[in-house]
Protein backbone atom coordinates (compact mmCIF):
# COMPACT_ATOMS: atom_id res chain seq x y z
CA MET A 1 -109.52 34.10 27.09
CA LYS A 2 -112.26 31.90 25.55
CA LEU A 3 -109.66 29.65 23.95
CA ALA A 4 -107.80 29.30 27.25
CA HIS A 5 -111.05 28.55 29.05
CA LEU A 6 -111.97 25.84 26.52
CA LYS A 7 -108.52 24.28 26.93
CA LYS A 8 -109.03 24.17 30.66
CA VAL A 9 -112.53 22.65 30.30
CA PHE A 10 -111.63 19.89 27.78
CA VAL A 11 -108.01 19.13 28.75
CA ALA A 12 -108.46 19.06 32.54
CA PRO A 13 -110.91 16.06 32.61
CA ALA A 14 -108.54 14.04 30.42
CA LEU A 15 -105.61 14.71 32.75
CA LEU A 16 -107.71 13.85 35.84
CA SER A 17 -108.93 10.64 34.22
CA ALA A 18 -105.35 9.64 33.54
CA LEU A 19 -104.49 10.22 37.22
CA GLY A 20 -107.53 8.26 38.44
CA MET A 21 -109.44 11.37 39.47
CA SER A 22 -112.85 12.52 38.33
CA ALA A 23 -113.27 16.02 37.03
CA SER A 24 -116.99 15.97 36.24
CA PRO A 25 -119.49 17.78 38.50
CA ALA A 26 -121.59 14.61 38.74
CA ALA A 27 -118.63 12.72 40.11
CA ALA A 28 -118.01 15.47 42.63
CA GLN A 29 -121.65 15.39 43.79
CA SER A 30 -121.88 11.62 43.77
CA CYS A 31 -118.89 11.42 45.99
CA GLY A 32 -120.94 13.05 48.67
CA GLY A 33 -118.72 13.61 51.68
CA CYS A 34 -115.46 12.76 49.81
CA GLY A 35 -114.67 16.45 49.38
CA PRO A 36 -114.22 18.68 46.36
CA SER A 37 -112.55 17.48 43.13
CA TYR A 38 -109.31 18.87 41.74
CA LYS A 39 -107.52 19.07 38.42
CA ILE A 40 -103.77 18.99 37.79
CA VAL A 41 -102.32 22.19 36.19
CA THR A 42 -98.70 22.46 34.97
CA GLN A 43 -96.79 25.74 34.53
CA THR A 44 -93.30 26.62 33.38
CA VAL A 45 -91.15 28.61 35.79
CA TYR A 46 -87.82 30.18 34.79
CA GLU A 47 -85.01 30.13 37.32
CA GLU A 48 -82.03 32.45 37.12
CA GLN A 49 -78.59 30.83 37.23
CA PRO A 50 -75.24 32.68 37.09
CA VAL A 51 -72.85 31.51 34.36
CA THR A 52 -69.15 32.42 34.14
CA ALA A 53 -67.53 32.71 30.64
CA TYR A 54 -64.42 34.17 29.00
CA ARG A 55 -64.18 36.74 26.20
CA LEU A 56 -61.17 37.81 24.17
CA GLU A 57 -59.98 41.43 24.51
CA TYR A 58 -56.98 43.23 22.98
CA ASP A 59 -54.71 45.72 24.76
CA ARG A 60 -52.87 48.40 22.73
CA VAL A 61 -49.12 48.29 23.56
CA GLU A 62 -46.45 50.63 22.11
CA VAL A 63 -42.99 49.07 21.69
CA PRO A 64 -39.90 51.13 20.68
CA LYS A 65 -37.88 49.66 17.78
CA GLN A 66 -34.51 50.55 16.25
CA VAL A 67 -34.66 50.90 12.45
CA THR A 68 -31.55 51.22 10.28
CA SER A 69 -31.90 52.84 6.85
CA TYR A 70 -29.36 53.54 4.12
CA ARG A 71 -29.23 56.65 1.94
CA PRO A 72 -27.08 57.05 -1.20
CA VAL A 73 -24.20 59.57 -1.26
CA TRP A 74 -22.60 60.50 -4.61
CA GLU A 75 -18.88 61.27 -4.92
CA THR A 76 -16.92 62.36 -8.01
CA GLU A 77 -13.72 60.51 -8.98
CA THR A 78 -11.26 61.26 -11.79
CA ARG A 79 -10.10 58.28 -13.83
CA GLU A 80 -7.91 57.81 -16.92
CA ARG A 81 -9.09 56.09 -20.06
CA ARG A 82 -6.58 54.73 -22.59
CA PHE A 83 -7.63 54.06 -26.14
CA THR A 84 -5.99 53.57 -29.55
CA VAL A 85 -6.75 56.01 -32.39
CA ALA A 86 -6.33 55.06 -36.06
CA LYS A 87 -5.04 58.03 -38.14
CA PRO A 88 -5.32 57.74 -41.95
CA VAL A 89 -2.25 58.66 -44.11
CA THR A 90 -2.93 59.13 -47.85
CA GLU A 91 -0.20 58.59 -50.53
CA THR A 92 -0.68 59.42 -54.25
CA SER A 93 1.09 57.63 -57.17
CA GLU A 94 0.61 57.26 -60.95
CA ARG A 95 0.24 54.13 -63.08
CA GLU A 96 -0.01 53.57 -66.86
CA GLU A 97 -3.19 52.09 -68.24
CA ARG A 98 -3.27 50.61 -71.77
CA TYR A 99 -6.50 49.90 -73.60
CA THR A 100 -7.54 49.25 -77.22
CA VAL A 101 -9.88 51.60 -79.07
CA MET A 102 -11.83 50.73 -82.26
CA LYS A 103 -11.49 53.68 -84.70
CA PRO A 104 -13.95 53.99 -87.66
CA VAL A 105 -12.57 54.45 -91.24
CA TRP A 106 -15.04 55.36 -94.03
CA GLU A 107 -14.46 54.30 -97.68
CA GLU A 108 -16.56 55.06 -100.76
CA GLN A 109 -17.38 52.17 -103.18
CA MET A 110 -19.46 51.94 -106.38
CA GLN A 111 -22.20 49.28 -106.43
CA ASP A 112 -24.18 48.12 -109.52
CA ARG A 113 -27.90 48.18 -108.69
CA SER A 114 -29.35 47.63 -112.20
CA TYR A 115 -32.84 46.04 -112.48
CA ASP A 116 -35.34 44.81 -115.12
CA ARG A 117 -38.65 46.63 -115.61
CA VAL A 118 -41.57 44.80 -117.21
CA ARG A 119 -44.41 46.77 -118.86
CA MET A 120 -47.61 45.53 -120.56
CA VAL A 121 -48.45 46.47 -124.23
CA ASN A 122 -52.11 46.24 -125.45
CA GLU A 123 -52.90 44.91 -128.99
CA THR A 124 -56.37 44.63 -130.65
CA GLU A 125 -57.35 41.66 -132.93
CA MET A 126 -60.62 40.82 -134.82
CA ARG A 127 -62.14 37.37 -134.33
CA GLU A 128 -65.21 35.69 -135.99
CA GLN A 129 -67.95 34.26 -133.78
CA VAL A 130 -70.89 32.10 -135.05
CA ASN A 131 -74.03 32.22 -132.83
CA THR A 132 -77.39 30.39 -133.15
CA VAL A 133 -80.15 32.89 -132.30
CA LEU A 134 -83.83 32.14 -131.61
CA ARG A 135 -85.87 34.76 -133.45
CA PRO A 136 -89.28 35.40 -131.84
CA VAL A 137 -92.50 35.52 -133.93
CA THR A 138 -95.38 37.22 -132.03
CA GLU A 139 -99.17 36.80 -132.62
CA THR A 140 -101.91 38.84 -130.85
CA GLN A 141 -105.08 37.20 -129.36
CA TYR A 142 -107.97 38.50 -127.13
CA TYR A 143 -110.01 37.14 -124.17
CA ASP A 144 -112.72 38.60 -121.82
CA GLN A 145 -111.81 39.18 -118.15
CA GLN A 146 -114.13 40.24 -115.32
CA THR A 147 -112.36 42.18 -112.63
CA VAL A 148 -113.61 43.48 -109.29
CA VAL A 149 -112.13 46.91 -109.00
CA ARG A 150 -112.00 48.66 -105.64
CA ARG A 151 -112.26 52.36 -106.32
CA PRO A 152 -110.41 54.42 -103.70
CA VAL A 153 -112.10 57.25 -101.81
CA THR A 154 -109.57 59.55 -100.08
CA GLU A 155 -110.36 61.42 -96.80
CA THR A 156 -108.00 63.72 -94.83
CA VAL A 157 -107.93 63.25 -90.98
CA MET A 158 -105.77 65.11 -88.35
CA GLN A 159 -103.91 62.65 -86.09
CA ASN A 160 -101.59 63.11 -83.06
CA GLN A 161 -98.16 61.73 -83.74
CA THR A 162 -95.29 61.47 -81.22
CA VAL A 163 -91.89 62.20 -82.74
CA THR A 164 -88.54 61.62 -81.02
CA MET A 165 -86.13 64.48 -81.65
CA TYR A 166 -82.47 64.43 -80.66
CA GLN A 167 -80.96 67.65 -79.29
CA PRO A 168 -77.18 68.11 -78.85
CA GLN A 169 -75.89 68.57 -75.28
CA THR A 170 -72.27 69.21 -74.25
CA VAL A 171 -71.05 67.62 -70.95
CA CYS A 172 -67.56 67.82 -69.38
CA ARG A 173 -66.21 64.37 -68.49
CA THR A 174 -63.29 63.76 -66.13
CA GLN A 175 -60.42 61.87 -67.73
CA TYR A 176 -57.39 60.66 -65.74
CA VAL A 177 -54.00 60.77 -67.48
CA ASP A 178 -50.82 59.33 -66.01
CA GLN A 179 -47.99 61.90 -66.38
CA GLY A 180 -45.47 60.06 -64.21
CA ALA A 181 -41.72 59.72 -64.74
CA TYR A 182 -38.78 57.61 -63.65
CA GLN A 183 -36.82 58.83 -60.60
CA THR A 184 -33.52 57.63 -59.24
CA SER A 185 -33.17 57.56 -55.44
CA GLN A 186 -30.44 56.38 -53.10
CA VAL A 187 -31.29 53.49 -50.76
CA TYR A 188 -29.19 52.82 -47.68
CA THR A 189 -28.80 49.17 -46.70
CA PRO A 190 -27.55 48.75 -43.09
CA GLY A 191 -24.75 46.30 -42.44
CA ALA A 192 -24.98 43.06 -40.51
CA VAL A 193 -25.02 43.13 -36.68
CA ARG A 194 -22.47 40.83 -35.01
CA ASN A 195 -21.44 40.34 -31.40
CA ARG A 196 -17.89 41.39 -30.54
CA LEU A 197 -15.99 40.86 -27.30
CA ARG A 198 -15.33 44.30 -25.79
CA TRP A 199 -14.07 45.63 -22.48
CA THR A 200 -16.72 47.64 -20.60
CA THR A 201 -16.21 49.80 -17.52
CA GLY A 202 -18.25 49.62 -14.35
CA GLN A 203 -21.49 51.60 -14.24
CA THR A 204 -24.45 52.25 -11.96
CA TYR A 205 -28.00 51.39 -13.04
CA LEU A 206 -31.48 51.53 -11.48
CA ASP A 207 -33.02 48.16 -10.67
CA PRO A 208 -36.73 48.32 -11.73
CA ALA A 209 -37.66 45.46 -9.37
CA THR A 210 -36.40 47.06 -6.11
CA GLY A 211 -36.16 50.71 -7.16
CA GLN A 212 -32.57 50.97 -5.84
CA TYR A 213 -29.34 51.86 -7.60
CA MET A 214 -27.06 48.87 -8.28
CA TYR A 215 -23.43 48.78 -9.47
CA ASP A 216 -22.39 46.62 -12.44
CA ARG A 217 -18.69 45.71 -12.48
CA GLY A 218 -16.60 46.15 -15.64
CA GLY A 219 -15.15 43.31 -17.70
CA LEU A 220 -15.31 41.55 -21.05
CA HIS A 221 -18.82 41.42 -22.49
CA TRP A 222 -20.35 40.48 -25.80
CA ILE A 223 -21.54 43.74 -27.37
CA PRO A 224 -23.52 43.88 -30.67
CA GLN A 225 -21.66 45.89 -33.35
CA GLN A 226 -23.14 46.87 -36.70
CA GLN A 227 -21.04 46.76 -39.88
CA PRO A 228 -21.02 49.82 -42.22
CA GLY A 229 -23.89 49.87 -44.67
CA THR A 230 -24.00 50.37 -48.43
CA VAL A 231 -25.76 53.01 -50.56
CA SER A 232 -27.22 51.95 -53.91
CA ASN A 233 -29.11 53.84 -56.63
CA VAL A 234 -32.61 52.54 -57.37
CA THR A 235 -34.59 53.76 -60.39
CA GLN A 236 -38.32 53.38 -60.09
CA TYR A 237 -41.37 54.73 -61.85
CA VAL A 238 -43.34 57.35 -59.89
CA PRO A 239 -46.91 57.67 -61.19
CA ASN A 240 -48.59 61.08 -61.37
CA VAL A 241 -52.27 60.80 -62.19
CA VAL A 242 -53.74 64.14 -63.42
CA ALA A 243 -57.47 64.72 -63.85
CA GLN A 244 -58.53 66.52 -67.05
CA GLN A 245 -61.92 67.82 -68.08
CA VAL A 246 -62.82 66.74 -71.66
CA PRO A 247 -65.96 68.15 -73.34
CA VAL A 248 -68.20 65.45 -74.79
CA THR A 249 -71.20 66.20 -77.01
CA GLN A 250 -74.08 63.78 -76.79
CA TYR A 251 -77.59 63.78 -78.21
CA VAL A 252 -80.51 63.63 -75.78
CA PRO A 253 -83.80 62.22 -77.08
CA THR A 254 -86.93 64.42 -76.60
CA GLN A 255 -90.55 63.35 -77.18
CA VAL A 256 -92.60 65.90 -79.21
CA THR A 257 -96.32 65.55 -80.09
CA GLN A 258 -97.44 67.00 -83.45
CA GLN A 259 -100.75 67.30 -85.33
CA VAL A 260 -100.18 65.53 -88.68
CA PRO A 261 -102.75 65.36 -91.49
CA VAL A 262 -103.31 61.74 -92.49
CA GLN A 263 -105.11 60.70 -95.67
CA ARG A 264 -107.39 57.80 -95.05
CA VAL A 265 -108.43 55.75 -98.09
CA ARG A 266 -111.51 53.53 -98.26
CA TYR A 267 -112.35 51.33 -101.21
CA GLU A 268 -115.64 50.68 -103.06
CA ASP A 269 -116.07 47.46 -105.09
CA GLU A 270 -116.96 47.70 -108.83
CA VAL A 271 -117.12 44.89 -111.47
CA GLN A 272 -115.53 45.65 -114.84
CA VAL A 273 -115.38 43.51 -118.05
CA ASN A 274 -112.23 44.05 -120.12
CA ARG A 275 -111.15 42.58 -123.48
CA ILE A 276 -107.54 41.87 -122.89
CA PRO A 277 -105.18 41.14 -125.77
CA TYR A 278 -102.38 38.71 -125.20
CA ASN A 279 -99.37 37.82 -127.34
CA VAL A 280 -98.39 34.29 -128.29
CA THR A 281 -94.70 34.05 -129.17
CA ARG A 282 -92.92 31.26 -130.96
CA TYR A 283 -89.19 31.07 -131.74
CA GLU A 284 -87.29 30.27 -134.95
CA GLN A 285 -83.56 29.35 -135.01
CA VAL A 286 -81.26 31.67 -137.12
CA GLN A 287 -77.39 31.51 -137.38
CA GLN A 288 -75.44 34.81 -137.21
CA VAL A 289 -71.70 35.47 -137.88
CA SER A 290 -70.15 38.52 -136.12
CA GLN A 291 -66.65 40.08 -136.01
CA ILE A 292 -65.59 40.67 -132.37
CA PRO A 293 -62.55 42.82 -131.52
CA VAL A 294 -60.33 41.22 -128.81
CA THR A 295 -57.67 43.16 -126.84
CA VAL A 296 -54.53 41.16 -125.89
CA GLN A 297 -51.78 42.26 -123.43
CA LYS A 298 -48.12 41.33 -124.05
CA GLN A 299 -45.11 41.76 -121.71
CA VAL A 300 -42.10 43.89 -122.78
CA VAL A 301 -38.88 43.62 -120.61
CA GLU A 302 -36.54 46.65 -120.39
CA ARG A 303 -33.09 46.72 -118.67
CA ILE A 304 -32.38 49.83 -116.50
CA GLU A 305 -28.75 50.48 -115.57
CA ASN A 306 -28.14 51.99 -112.08
CA VAL A 307 -24.66 52.47 -110.49
CA VAL A 308 -24.77 53.98 -106.94
CA PRO A 309 -21.83 55.20 -104.81
CA VAL A 310 -21.96 53.60 -101.24
CA LYS A 311 -19.98 54.57 -98.10
CA VAL A 312 -18.56 51.59 -96.17
CA CYS A 313 -17.33 51.87 -92.54
CA LYS A 314 -14.42 49.73 -91.34
CA TRP A 315 -13.22 49.50 -87.72
CA VAL A 316 -9.44 49.68 -87.10
CA GLN A 317 -7.90 48.76 -83.67
CA GLU A 318 -5.68 51.42 -82.05
CA GLU A 319 -3.83 51.10 -78.67
CA VAL A 320 -4.03 54.11 -76.28
CA VAL A 321 -1.81 54.71 -73.23
CA ARG A 322 -2.91 57.04 -70.37
CA LYS A 323 -1.68 57.80 -66.84
CA VAL A 324 -4.09 57.29 -63.95
CA PRO A 325 -3.46 58.78 -60.46
CA VAL A 326 -3.84 56.20 -57.63
CA SER A 327 -4.46 57.20 -53.97
CA THR A 328 -3.39 54.72 -51.27
CA THR A 329 -4.51 55.19 -47.64
CA ARG A 330 -2.80 53.46 -44.74
CA MET A 331 -3.76 53.62 -41.07
CA VAL A 332 -1.28 54.76 -38.37
CA TYR A 333 -2.29 53.80 -34.80
CA GLU A 334 -1.61 56.11 -31.81
CA GLU A 335 -2.31 55.54 -28.12
CA ARG A 336 -4.01 58.39 -26.22
CA VAL A 337 -4.85 58.98 -22.54
CA GLU A 338 -8.04 60.85 -21.68
CA PRO A 339 -9.08 61.79 -18.11
CA TYR A 340 -12.79 61.59 -17.25
CA GLN A 341 -14.91 61.99 -14.13
CA VAL A 342 -17.15 59.27 -12.70
CA LYS A 343 -19.86 59.61 -10.06
CA VAL A 344 -19.59 56.83 -7.43
CA GLN A 345 -22.47 55.98 -5.16
CA LYS A 346 -21.90 55.06 -1.49
CA TRP A 347 -24.52 54.00 1.01
CA VAL A 348 -24.48 55.68 4.49
CA ALA A 349 -26.28 53.94 7.38
CA GLU A 350 -28.67 55.96 9.58
CA THR A 351 -30.31 54.60 12.76
CA SER A 352 -33.66 55.93 14.06
CA THR A 353 -36.11 54.89 16.80
CA VAL A 354 -39.66 54.02 15.71
CA THR A 355 -42.60 53.26 17.98
CA GLU A 356 -44.44 50.09 16.92
CA VAL A 357 -48.01 49.54 18.07
CA LYS A 358 -49.11 45.97 18.85
CA ASN A 359 -52.41 44.45 20.00
CA GLU A 360 -51.93 41.82 22.74
CA PRO A 361 -54.83 39.37 23.17
CA LYS A 362 -56.15 38.72 26.70
CA TRP A 363 -58.97 36.50 28.01
CA VAL A 364 -61.27 38.32 30.52
CA GLN A 365 -63.67 36.46 32.81
CA TYR A 366 -67.26 37.78 33.06
CA THR A 367 -70.50 36.52 34.66
CA TYR A 368 -74.00 36.62 33.16
CA THR A 369 -77.38 35.26 34.31
CA LYS A 370 -79.11 32.49 32.40
CA ARG A 371 -82.76 31.56 32.86
CA VAL A 372 -83.45 27.80 33.05
CA PRO A 373 -87.04 26.63 32.48
CA ARG A 374 -88.64 24.22 35.05
CA THR A 375 -92.12 22.65 34.98
CA VAL A 376 -94.25 23.00 38.19
CA THR A 377 -97.37 20.81 38.84
CA MET A 378 -100.22 22.15 41.02
CA ARG A 379 -103.79 21.15 41.93
CA VAL A 380 -106.66 23.53 41.21
CA PRO A 381 -110.02 22.86 42.91
CA LEU A 382 -113.18 22.64 40.83
CA ASP A 383 -116.62 23.91 41.83
CA ALA A 384 -119.87 22.02 41.46
CA TYR A 385 -120.07 22.92 37.78
CA GLY A 386 -116.53 21.81 36.95
CA ASN A 387 -115.06 25.32 36.80
CA PRO A 388 -111.66 25.89 38.39
CA VAL A 389 -111.60 27.94 41.57
CA TYR A 390 -108.49 30.11 42.02
CA VAL A 391 -107.71 30.93 45.66
CA ALA A 392 -104.91 33.13 46.94
CA PRO A 393 -102.12 31.12 48.54
CA ALA A 394 -102.68 30.50 52.28
CA PRO A 395 -100.27 31.82 54.87
CA ALA A 396 -97.64 29.55 56.35
CA ALA A 397 -99.55 29.05 59.69
CA ALA A 398 -102.98 28.15 58.38
CA ALA A 399 -105.86 27.34 60.77
CA PRO A 400 -106.58 23.62 61.07
CA THR A 401 -109.65 22.45 59.30
CA PRO A 402 -112.33 21.00 61.64
CA ALA A 403 -112.73 17.29 61.19
CA GLY A 404 -116.49 17.31 61.53
CA SER A 405 -117.20 19.55 58.62
CA ALA A 406 -118.29 17.53 55.61
CA ASN A 407 -118.49 20.31 53.00
CA SER A 408 -115.15 21.85 53.77
CA VAL A 409 -112.93 22.93 50.85
CA LEU A 410 -109.26 22.02 50.98
CA THR A 411 -106.99 24.83 49.83
CA PRO A 412 -104.00 23.57 47.91
CA PRO A 413 -100.68 24.67 49.25
CA GLY A 414 -98.94 27.43 47.38
CA THR A 415 -96.12 26.62 45.00
CA VAL A 416 -92.78 27.20 46.65
CA VAL A 417 -89.78 27.73 44.42
CA GLU A 418 -86.50 27.10 46.12
CA ARG A 419 -83.71 29.43 45.11
CA ARG A 420 -80.15 29.00 46.28
CA ILE A 421 -77.13 31.13 45.51
CA ILE A 422 -74.07 29.06 44.75
CA ASN A 423 -71.01 30.79 46.15
CA ASN A 424 -68.45 28.08 45.61
CA ILE A 425 -68.39 28.28 41.83
CA VAL A 426 -65.64 26.26 40.26
CA PRO A 427 -63.99 28.43 37.56
CA PRO A 428 -64.40 26.86 34.16
CA SER A 429 -61.46 25.59 32.16
CA PRO A 430 -59.81 27.94 29.61
CA PRO A 431 -61.74 28.16 26.32
CA THR A 432 -60.69 26.08 23.35
CA GLU A 433 -59.86 27.39 19.86
CA ASP A 434 -63.45 26.82 18.66
CA GLN A 435 -64.82 28.76 21.67
CA GLU A 436 -62.38 31.60 20.92
CA LYS A 437 -63.60 31.75 17.32
CA ASP A 438 -67.25 31.78 18.47
CA ALA A 439 -66.47 34.53 21.01
CA ASN A 440 -64.76 36.62 18.31
CA LYS A 441 -67.78 36.21 16.03
CA ILE A 442 -70.16 37.26 18.85
CA ASN A 443 -68.03 40.29 19.81
CA SER A 444 -67.75 41.40 16.17
CA ALA A 445 -71.52 40.98 15.71
CA LYS A 446 -72.18 43.05 18.85
CA GLY A 447 -69.75 45.73 17.69
CA ASN A 448 -71.32 45.95 14.25
CA ASP A 449 -75.00 45.84 15.26
CA ASP A 450 -76.30 47.12 18.61
CA SER A 451 -79.83 45.85 17.98
CA ALA A 452 -78.90 42.13 18.10
CA SER A 453 -81.46 39.34 18.14
CA PRO A 454 -82.71 38.16 21.62
CA SER A 455 -80.65 35.50 23.35
CA ASP A 456 -81.02 33.23 26.40
CA GLY A 457 -79.35 35.83 28.64
CA ASP A 458 -82.15 38.40 28.19
CA ASP A 459 -84.53 39.08 31.15
CA THR A 460 -87.98 37.52 30.61
CA GLY A 461 -89.64 38.74 33.84
CA ARG A 462 -90.87 36.87 36.91
CA PRO A 463 -93.94 34.57 36.53
CA GLU A 464 -96.94 35.02 38.81
CA LEU A 465 -99.39 32.32 39.80
């Protein structure tokens, strides 16, 4: 209320000054008999106006419809199949086979295998040998020698000594031995696959795309046919690893501490004087003759006769004749007729009536009220202090104001709002595609959320002056 009052106090004089009117109390008093001053007040009044619009609605319509469906019916037919059968006929005959055989013949012969043997014979001989010998002549002399002798003093001390002892330990170790062998196995090698032109009969198959049974007509088609394979023997080594436990003896070191007596020797110095003799040797040359026995080895050759009987093998060719049975197989072709049954599929049509539901769009006209704002200007009288004076609106037949009264207050006429109801409303043109889309969005928003945001069509109440 204070803020509204301040707005009225400060804004009203500015508006009156713009209109050439004075809003100050001094101006009102200075005017004297001019009458009271007024200020211009504007208010916004909302008028209700009816608006006609269109909205899109759908009607549920049921339409009968004829639907034709097909169901499969299976029938059994008997057909004849002709084919040619190959019957093997075996014939046996004999043929002569000649081949050469090498036959061994042993003969005994005498061979001379004499050889020479050499042996060594030792003989002893005496030989003279002259040698020049240096004969030593020795003379003894003496000299004094001072020697520092360190006399040992022995002490026995017990000392800890760590000794490494090895103890035997037996451990079983795993050893792998291969005890495999060679095995012969038969390997089947399939023959080559080649396309052959063959006659195929008609057959029914299921189409995976549509899920319906389709019929494939017979005719000549390329069909893959595999040739007979071969069986061969293959020898390969098959390993067989066997684990064996082998005992192994190993020595494990062990640390042992022992108390060992140790003799510790310390030395004391002592000076000794010794008279030491020494020999002086000189040599004289003397010739000596000696008989030396010498052993000599000589070779003696001896002839050893050796005649040995030896068996010799000779190969002699010999021709052998044998009879071998031969089996010959020939194929005899026969034509046979075999009846067989075939299931044939036929499609039977069935007609049924189905009710189809459709939604038909329809534009429905509706009327709503829209409030249009309008600005109303009114004069409010001011008292001697510049405060606005609010007076109830005067009746339509107001008493005339006496002309002789100088201090009379003029009451402003009440604000009259003219309202007219328009009956001759021209119907609007049909909505466009954009309006239909907007209407669909609004209807869907209203259907999804009942608490929609306020719009211009909401009632705002009637203003009071």
